[in-house]
Amino acid sequence: PAQDEALQRNLLRALLNLDEFLSAPLEH
């Protein structure tokens, strides 16, 4: 349980990276 917060942050960071990719316009 003591590791939950750090592991949740890692997951949130990965989701944020995906969100940034989906929000950035593509070349076309």
PDB file of all heavy atoms in Angstrom:
ATOM      1  N   PRO A   1       0.806  -1.242   0.000  1.00  0.00           N
ATOM      2  CA  PRO A   1       0.000   0.000   0.000  1.00  0.00           C
ATOM      3  C   PRO A   1       0.827   1.274   0.000  1.00  0.00           C
ATOM      4  O   PRO A   1       0.426   2.261  -0.615  1.00  0.00           O
ATOM      5  CB  PRO A   1      -0.835  -0.132   1.281  1.00  0.00           C
ATOM      6  CG  PRO A   1      -0.927  -1.606   1.524  1.00  0.00           C
ATOM      7  CD  PRO A   1       0.380  -2.175   1.067  1.00  0.00           C
ATOM      8  N   ALA A   2       1.978   1.268   0.663  1.00  0.00           N
ATOM      9  CA  ALA A   2       2.794   2.477   0.750  1.00  0.00           C
ATOM     10  C   ALA A   2       3.324   2.927  -0.607  1.00  0.00           C
ATOM     11  O   ALA A   2       3.718   4.087  -0.776  1.00  0.00           O
ATOM     12  CB  ALA A   2       3.965   2.241   1.707  1.00  0.00           C
ATOM     13  N   GLN A   3       3.326   2.022  -1.594  1.00  0.00           N
ATOM     14  CA  GLN A   3       3.833   2.366  -2.921  1.00  0.00           C
ATOM     15  C   GLN A   3       2.735   2.859  -3.874  1.00  0.00           C
ATOM     16  O   GLN A   3       3.016   3.291  -4.987  1.00  0.00           O
ATOM     17  CB  GLN A   3       4.532   1.155  -3.544  1.00  0.00           C
ATOM     18  CG  GLN A   3       5.756   0.687  -2.776  1.00  0.00           C
ATOM     19  CD  GLN A   3       6.363  -0.575  -3.377  1.00  0.00           C
ATOM     20  OE1 GLN A   3       5.803  -1.170  -4.296  1.00  0.00           O
ATOM     21  NE2 GLN A   3       7.508  -0.980  -2.850  1.00  0.00           N
ATOM     22  N   ASP A   4       1.500   2.780  -3.424  1.00  0.00           N
ATOM     23  CA  ASP A   4       0.378   3.103  -4.311  1.00  0.00           C
ATOM     24  C   ASP A   4       0.468   4.505  -4.903  1.00  0.00           C
ATOM     25  O   ASP A   4       0.251   4.706  -6.103  1.00  0.00           O
ATOM     26  CB  ASP A   4      -0.951   2.958  -3.559  1.00  0.00           C
ATOM     27  CG  ASP A   4      -1.442   1.513  -3.531  1.00  0.00           C
ATOM     28  OD1 ASP A   4      -0.843   0.668  -4.218  1.00  0.00           O
ATOM     29  OD2 ASP A   4      -2.414   1.243  -2.811  1.00  0.00           O
ATOM     30  N   GLU A   5       0.766   5.482  -4.057  1.00  0.00           N
ATOM     31  CA  GLU A   5       0.756   6.870  -4.513  1.00  0.00           C
ATOM     32  C   GLU A   5       1.786   7.104  -5.611  1.00  0.00           C
ATOM     33  O   GLU A   5       1.490   7.737  -6.634  1.00  0.00           O
ATOM     34  CB  GLU A   5       1.008   7.813  -3.338  1.00  0.00           C
ATOM     35  CG  GLU A   5       0.862   9.289  -3.707  1.00  0.00           C
ATOM     36  CD  GLU A   5       0.982  10.201  -2.498  1.00  0.00           C
ATOM     37  OE1 GLU A   5       0.873   9.711  -1.360  1.00  0.00           O
ATOM     38  OE2 GLU A   5       1.208  11.406  -2.715  1.00  0.00           O
ATOM     39  N   ALA A   6       2.993   6.587  -5.431  1.00  0.00           N
ATOM     40  CA  ALA A   6       4.046   6.773  -6.431  1.00  0.00           C
ATOM     41  C   ALA A   6       3.696   6.057  -7.732  1.00  0.00           C
ATOM     42  O   ALA A   6       3.911   6.588  -8.834  1.00  0.00           O
ATOM     43  CB  ALA A   6       5.388   6.268  -5.891  1.00  0.00           C
ATOM     44  N   LEU A   7       3.136   4.849  -7.622  1.00  0.00           N
ATOM     45  CA  LEU A   7       2.782   4.088  -8.816  1.00  0.00           C
ATOM     46  C   LEU A   7       1.608   4.733  -9.548  1.00  0.00           C
ATOM     47  O   LEU A   7       1.547   4.707 -10.787  1.00  0.00           O
ATOM     48  CB  LEU A   7       2.449   2.647  -8.436  1.00  0.00           C
ATOM     49  CG  LEU A   7       3.629   1.825  -7.887  1.00  0.00           C
ATOM     50  CD1 LEU A   7       3.158   0.452  -7.441  1.00  0.00           C
ATOM     51  CD2 LEU A   7       4.728   1.708  -8.934  1.00  0.00           C
ATOM     52  N   GLN A   8       0.694   5.324  -8.794  1.00  0.00           N
ATOM     53  CA  GLN A   8      -0.417   6.036  -9.422  1.00  0.00           C
ATOM     54  C   GLN A   8       0.097   7.248 -10.184  1.00  0.00           C
ATOM     55  O   GLN A   8      -0.374   7.553 -11.290  1.00  0.00           O
ATOM     56  CB  GLN A   8      -1.448   6.459  -8.372  1.00  0.00           C
ATOM     57  CG  GLN A   8      -2.696   7.088  -8.973  1.00  0.00           C
ATOM     58  CD  GLN A   8      -3.631   7.626  -7.900  1.00  0.00           C
ATOM     59  OE1 GLN A   8      -3.519   8.781  -7.490  1.00  0.00           O
ATOM     60  NE2 GLN A   8      -4.550   6.796  -7.448  1.00  0.00           N
ATOM     61  N   ARG A   9       1.066   7.953  -9.615  1.00  0.00           N
ATOM     62  CA  ARG A   9       1.655   9.107 -10.301  1.00  0.00           C
ATOM     63  C   ARG A   9       2.312   8.683 -11.612  1.00  0.00           C
ATOM     64  O   ARG A   9       2.229   9.386 -12.622  1.00  0.00           O
ATOM     65  CB  ARG A   9       2.677   9.809  -9.398  1.00  0.00           C
ATOM     66  CG  ARG A   9       2.066  10.699  -8.322  1.00  0.00           C
ATOM     67  CD  ARG A   9       3.081  11.707  -7.797  1.00  0.00           C
ATOM     68  NE  ARG A   9       4.287  11.045  -7.293  1.00  0.00           N
ATOM     69  CZ  ARG A   9       4.446  10.635  -6.025  1.00  0.00           C
ATOM     70  NH1 ARG A   9       3.464  10.827  -5.143  1.00  0.00           N
ATOM     71  NH2 ARG A   9       5.556  10.063  -5.644  1.00  0.00           N
ATOM     72  N   ASN A  10       2.997   7.535 -11.601  1.00  0.00           N
ATOM     73  CA  ASN A  10       3.633   7.042 -12.828  1.00  0.00           C
ATOM     74  C   ASN A  10       2.595   6.777 -13.912  1.00  0.00           C
ATOM     75  O   ASN A  10       2.807   7.090 -15.089  1.00  0.00           O
ATOM     76  CB  ASN A  10       4.406   5.754 -12.530  1.00  0.00           C
ATOM     77  CG  ASN A  10       5.663   5.994 -11.724  1.00  0.00           C
ATOM     78  OD1 ASN A  10       6.161   7.122 -11.654  1.00  0.00           O
ATOM     79  ND2 ASN A  10       6.187   4.954 -11.105  1.00  0.00           N
ATOM     80  N   LEU A  11       1.470   6.186 -13.505  1.00  0.00           N
ATOM     81  CA  LEU A  11       0.398   5.911 -14.459  1.00  0.00           C
ATOM     82  C   LEU A  11      -0.191   7.222 -14.983  1.00  0.00           C
ATOM     83  O   LEU A  11      -0.432   7.375 -16.193  1.00  0.00           O
ATOM     84  CB  LEU A  11      -0.683   5.057 -13.808  1.00  0.00           C
ATOM     85  CG  LEU A  11      -1.955   4.804 -14.633  1.00  0.00           C
ATOM     86  CD1 LEU A  11      -1.615   4.154 -15.973  1.00  0.00           C
ATOM     87  CD2 LEU A  11      -2.929   3.936 -13.853  1.00  0.00           C
ATOM     88  N   LEU A  12      -0.428   8.178 -14.095  1.00  0.00           N
ATOM     89  CA  LEU A  12      -0.977   9.471 -14.505  1.00  0.00           C
ATOM     90  C   LEU A  12      -0.045  10.190 -15.475  1.00  0.00           C
ATOM     91  O   LEU A  12      -0.495  10.824 -16.436  1.00  0.00           O
ATOM     92  CB  LEU A  12      -1.230  10.347 -13.277  1.00  0.00           C
ATOM     93  CG  LEU A  12      -2.497  10.038 -12.479  1.00  0.00           C
ATOM     94  CD1 LEU A  12      -2.498  10.817 -11.173  1.00  0.00           C
ATOM     95  CD2 LEU A  12      -3.736  10.380 -13.297  1.00  0.00           C
ATOM     96  N   ARG A  13       1.261  10.069 -15.237  1.00  0.00           N
ATOM     97  CA  ARG A  13       2.230  10.711 -16.126  1.00  0.00           C
ATOM     98  C   ARG A  13       2.152  10.104 -17.529  1.00  0.00           C
ATOM     99  O   ARG A  13       2.221  10.823 -18.535  1.00  0.00           O
ATOM    100  CB  ARG A  13       3.636  10.556 -15.539  1.00  0.00           C
ATOM    101  CG  ARG A  13       4.692  11.432 -16.210  1.00  0.00           C
ATOM    102  CD  ARG A  13       6.035  11.338 -15.506  1.00  0.00           C
ATOM    103  NE  ARG A  13       5.932  11.749 -14.109  1.00  0.00           N
ATOM    104  CZ  ARG A  13       6.113  10.928 -13.072  1.00  0.00           C
ATOM    105  NH1 ARG A  13       6.395   9.647 -13.257  1.00  0.00           N
ATOM    106  NH2 ARG A  13       6.010  11.388 -11.840  1.00  0.00           N
ATOM    107  N   ALA A  14       2.004   8.784 -17.592  1.00  0.00           N
ATOM    108  CA  ALA A  14       1.885   8.120 -18.898  1.00  0.00           C
ATOM    109  C   ALA A  14       0.601   8.538 -19.609  1.00  0.00           C
ATOM    110  O   ALA A  14       0.588   8.752 -20.829  1.00  0.00           O
ATOM    111  CB  ALA A  14       1.928   6.600 -18.711  1.00  0.00           C
ATOM    112  N   LEU A  15      -0.494   8.662 -18.856  1.00  0.00           N
ATOM    113  CA  LEU A  15      -1.761   9.113 -19.448  1.00  0.00           C
ATOM    114  C   LEU A  15      -1.656  10.555 -19.924  1.00  0.00           C
ATOM    115  O   LEU A  15      -2.205  10.922 -20.972  1.00  0.00           O
ATOM    116  CB  LEU A  15      -2.887   8.974 -18.423  1.00  0.00           C
ATOM    117  CG  LEU A  15      -3.332   7.537 -18.103  1.00  0.00           C
ATOM    118  CD1 LEU A  15      -4.212   7.517 -16.855  1.00  0.00           C
ATOM    119  CD2 LEU A  15      -4.075   6.929 -19.290  1.00  0.00           C
ATOM    120  N   LEU A  16      -0.943  11.383 -19.164  1.00  0.00           N
ATOM    121  CA  LEU A  16      -0.751  12.778 -19.557  1.00  0.00           C
ATOM    122  C   LEU A  16       0.045  12.869 -20.859  1.00  0.00           C
ATOM    123  O   LEU A  16      -0.266  13.683 -21.740  1.00  0.00           O
ATOM    124  CB  LEU A  16      -0.040  13.542 -18.443  1.00  0.00           C
ATOM    125  CG  LEU A  16       0.270  15.022 -18.723  1.00  0.00           C
ATOM    126  CD1 LEU A  16      -1.012  15.802 -18.990  1.00  0.00           C
ATOM    127  CD2 LEU A  16       1.039  15.645 -17.558  1.00  0.00           C
ATOM    128  N   ASN A  17       1.067  12.024 -21.001  1.00  0.00           N
ATOM    129  CA  ASN A  17       1.851  12.010 -22.233  1.00  0.00           C
ATOM    130  C   ASN A  17       0.971  11.644 -23.435  1.00  0.00           C
ATOM    131  O   ASN A  17       1.105  12.222 -24.513  1.00  0.00           O
ATOM    132  CB  ASN A  17       3.013  11.023 -22.114  1.00  0.00           C
ATOM    133  CG  ASN A  17       4.086  11.503 -21.158  1.00  0.00           C
ATOM    134  OD1 ASN A  17       4.197  12.702 -20.875  1.00  0.00           O
ATOM    135  ND2 ASN A  17       4.883  10.588 -20.644  1.00  0.00           N
ATOM    136  N   LEU A  18       0.081  10.672 -23.232  1.00  0.00           N
ATOM    137  CA  LEU A  18      -0.844  10.299 -24.304  1.00  0.00           C
ATOM    138  C   LEU A  18      -1.767  11.465 -24.629  1.00  0.00           C
ATOM    139  O   LEU A  18      -2.042  11.748 -25.810  1.00  0.00           O
ATOM    140  CB  LEU A  18      -1.656   9.069 -23.907  1.00  0.00           C
ATOM    141  CG  LEU A  18      -2.761   8.655 -24.893  1.00  0.00           C
ATOM    142  CD1 LEU A  18      -2.164   8.272 -26.247  1.00  0.00           C
ATOM    143  CD2 LEU A  18      -3.587   7.505 -24.325  1.00  0.00           C
ATOM    144  N   ASP A  19      -2.252  12.132 -23.598  1.00  0.00           N
ATOM    145  CA  ASP A  19      -3.156  13.269 -23.810  1.00  0.00           C
ATOM    146  C   ASP A  19      -2.464  14.374 -24.605  1.00  0.00           C
ATOM    147  O   ASP A  19      -3.075  14.980 -25.497  1.00  0.00           O
ATOM    148  CB  ASP A  19      -3.623  13.806 -22.453  1.00  0.00           C
ATOM    149  CG  ASP A  19      -4.711  14.859 -22.588  1.00  0.00           C
ATOM    150  OD1 ASP A  19      -5.854  14.484 -22.900  1.00  0.00           O
ATOM    151  OD2 ASP A  19      -4.403  16.057 -22.404  1.00  0.00           O
ATOM    152  N   GLU A  20      -1.207  14.618 -24.298  1.00  0.00           N
ATOM    153  CA  GLU A  20      -0.462  15.658 -25.016  1.00  0.00           C
ATOM    154  C   GLU A  20      -0.298  15.276 -26.488  1.00  0.00           C
ATOM    155  O   GLU A  20      -0.388  16.131 -27.372  1.00  0.00           O
ATOM    156  CB  GLU A  20       0.896  15.874 -24.350  1.00  0.00           C
ATOM    157  CG  GLU A  20       0.787  16.538 -22.990  1.00  0.00           C
ATOM    158  CD  GLU A  20       2.114  16.632 -22.263  1.00  0.00           C
ATOM    159  OE1 GLU A  20       3.095  15.984 -22.727  1.00  0.00           O
ATOM    160  OE2 GLU A  20       2.179  17.323 -21.232  1.00  0.00           O
ATOM    161  N   PHE A  21      -0.055  13.977 -26.756  1.00  0.00           N
ATOM    162  CA  PHE A  21       0.069  13.528 -28.139  1.00  0.00           C
ATOM    163  C   PHE A  21      -1.244  13.698 -28.890  1.00  0.00           C
ATOM    164  O   PHE A  21      -1.274  14.181 -30.027  1.00  0.00           O
ATOM    165  CB  PHE A  21       0.511  12.064 -28.181  1.00  0.00           C
ATOM    166  CG  PHE A  21       0.534  11.493 -29.571  1.00  0.00           C
ATOM    167  CD1 PHE A  21       1.565  11.789 -30.446  1.00  0.00           C
ATOM    168  CD2 PHE A  21      -0.500  10.671 -30.010  1.00  0.00           C
ATOM    169  CE1 PHE A  21       1.571  11.275 -31.747  1.00  0.00           C
ATOM    170  CE2 PHE A  21      -0.500  10.159 -31.297  1.00  0.00           C
ATOM    171  CZ  PHE A  21       0.541  10.457 -32.169  1.00  0.00           C
ATOM    172  N   LEU A  22      -2.341  13.313 -28.242  1.00  0.00           N
ATOM    173  CA  LEU A  22      -3.654  13.402 -28.893  1.00  0.00           C
ATOM    174  C   LEU A  22      -4.105  14.844 -29.073  1.00  0.00           C
ATOM    175  O   LEU A  22      -4.931  15.135 -29.943  1.00  0.00           O
ATOM    176  CB  LEU A  22      -4.689  12.628 -28.073  1.00  0.00           C
ATOM    177  CG  LEU A  22      -4.558  11.107 -28.110  1.00  0.00           C
ATOM    178  CD1 LEU A  22      -5.381  10.473 -26.989  1.00  0.00           C
ATOM    179  CD2 LEU A  22      -4.998  10.552 -29.459  1.00  0.00           C
ATOM    180  N   SER A  23      -3.587  15.738 -28.264  1.00  0.00           N
ATOM    181  CA  SER A  23      -3.994  17.145 -28.335  1.00  0.00           C
ATOM    182  C   SER A  23      -3.151  17.949 -29.327  1.00  0.00           C
ATOM    183  O   SER A  23      -3.569  19.030 -29.767  1.00  0.00           O
ATOM    184  CB  SER A  23      -3.898  17.790 -26.946  1.00  0.00           C
ATOM    185  OG  SER A  23      -4.764  17.126 -26.030  1.00  0.00           O
ATOM    186  N   ALA A  24      -1.976  17.429 -29.665  1.00  0.00           N
ATOM    187  CA  ALA A  24      -1.095  18.141 -30.593  1.00  0.00           C
ATOM    188  C   ALA A  24      -1.502  17.852 -32.039  1.00  0.00           C
ATOM    189  O   ALA A  24      -1.665  16.688 -32.412  1.00  0.00           O
ATOM    190  CB  ALA A  24       0.355  17.722 -30.362  1.00  0.00           C
ATOM    191  N   PRO A  25      -1.701  18.871 -32.860  1.00  0.00           N
ATOM    192  CA  PRO A  25      -2.089  18.640 -34.261  1.00  0.00           C
ATOM    193  C   PRO A  25      -1.035  17.836 -35.015  1.00  0.00           C
ATOM    194  O   PRO A  25       0.172  18.023 -34.814  1.00  0.00           O
ATOM    195  CB  PRO A  25      -2.209  20.060 -34.832  1.00  0.00           C
ATOM    196  CG  PRO A  25      -2.395  20.940 -33.650  1.00  0.00           C
ATOM    197  CD  PRO A  25      -1.628  20.310 -32.533  1.00  0.00           C
ATOM    198  N   LEU A  26      -1.488  16.946 -35.876  1.00  0.00           N
ATOM    199  CA  LEU A  26      -0.592  16.179 -36.725  1.00  0.00           C
ATOM    200  C   LEU A  26      -0.248  16.991 -37.970  1.00  0.00           C
ATOM    201  O   LEU A  26      -0.877  18.011 -38.276  1.00  0.00           O
ATOM    202  CB  LEU A  26      -1.246  14.858 -37.124  1.00  0.00           C
ATOM    203  CG  LEU A  26      -1.491  13.867 -35.979  1.00  0.00           C
ATOM    204  CD1 LEU A  26      -2.265  12.653 -36.482  1.00  0.00           C
ATOM    205  CD2 LEU A  26      -0.176  13.429 -35.336  1.00  0.00           C
ATOM    206  N   GLU A  27       0.743  16.508 -38.691  1.00  0.00           N
ATOM    207  CA  GLU A  27       1.247  17.247 -39.850  1.00  0.00           C
ATOM    208  C   GLU A  27       0.155  17.540 -40.873  1.00  0.00           C
ATOM    209  O   GLU A  27       0.063  18.658 -41.394  1.00  0.00           O
ATOM    210  CB  GLU A  27       2.373  16.438 -40.494  1.00  0.00           C
ATOM    211  CG  GLU A  27       3.060  17.115 -41.659  1.00  0.00           C
ATOM    212  CD  GLU A  27       4.183  16.269 -42.232  1.00  0.00           C
ATOM    213  OE1 GLU A  27       4.818  15.527 -41.446  1.00  0.00           O
ATOM    214  OE2 GLU A  27       4.419  16.347 -43.437  1.00  0.00           O
ATOM    215  N   HIS A  28      -0.691  16.535 -41.155  1.00  0.00           N
ATOM    216  CA  HIS A  28      -1.718  16.765 -42.169  1.00  0.00           C
ATOM    217  C   HIS A  28      -2.793  17.740 -41.683  1.00  0.00           C
ATOM    218  O   HIS A  28      -3.421  18.433 -42.484  1.00  0.00           O
ATOM    219  CB  HIS A  28      -2.355  15.443 -42.613  1.00  0.00           C
ATOM    220  CG  HIS A  28      -3.256  14.816 -41.611  1.00  0.00           C
ATOM    221  ND1 HIS A  28      -2.811  13.921 -40.662  1.00  0.00           N
ATOM    222  CD2 HIS A  28      -4.595  14.943 -41.394  1.00  0.00           C
ATOM    223  CE1 HIS A  28      -3.823  13.525 -39.921  1.00  0.00           C
ATOM    224  NE2 HIS A  28      -4.918  14.135 -40.333  1.00  0.00           N
TER     225      HIS A  28
END
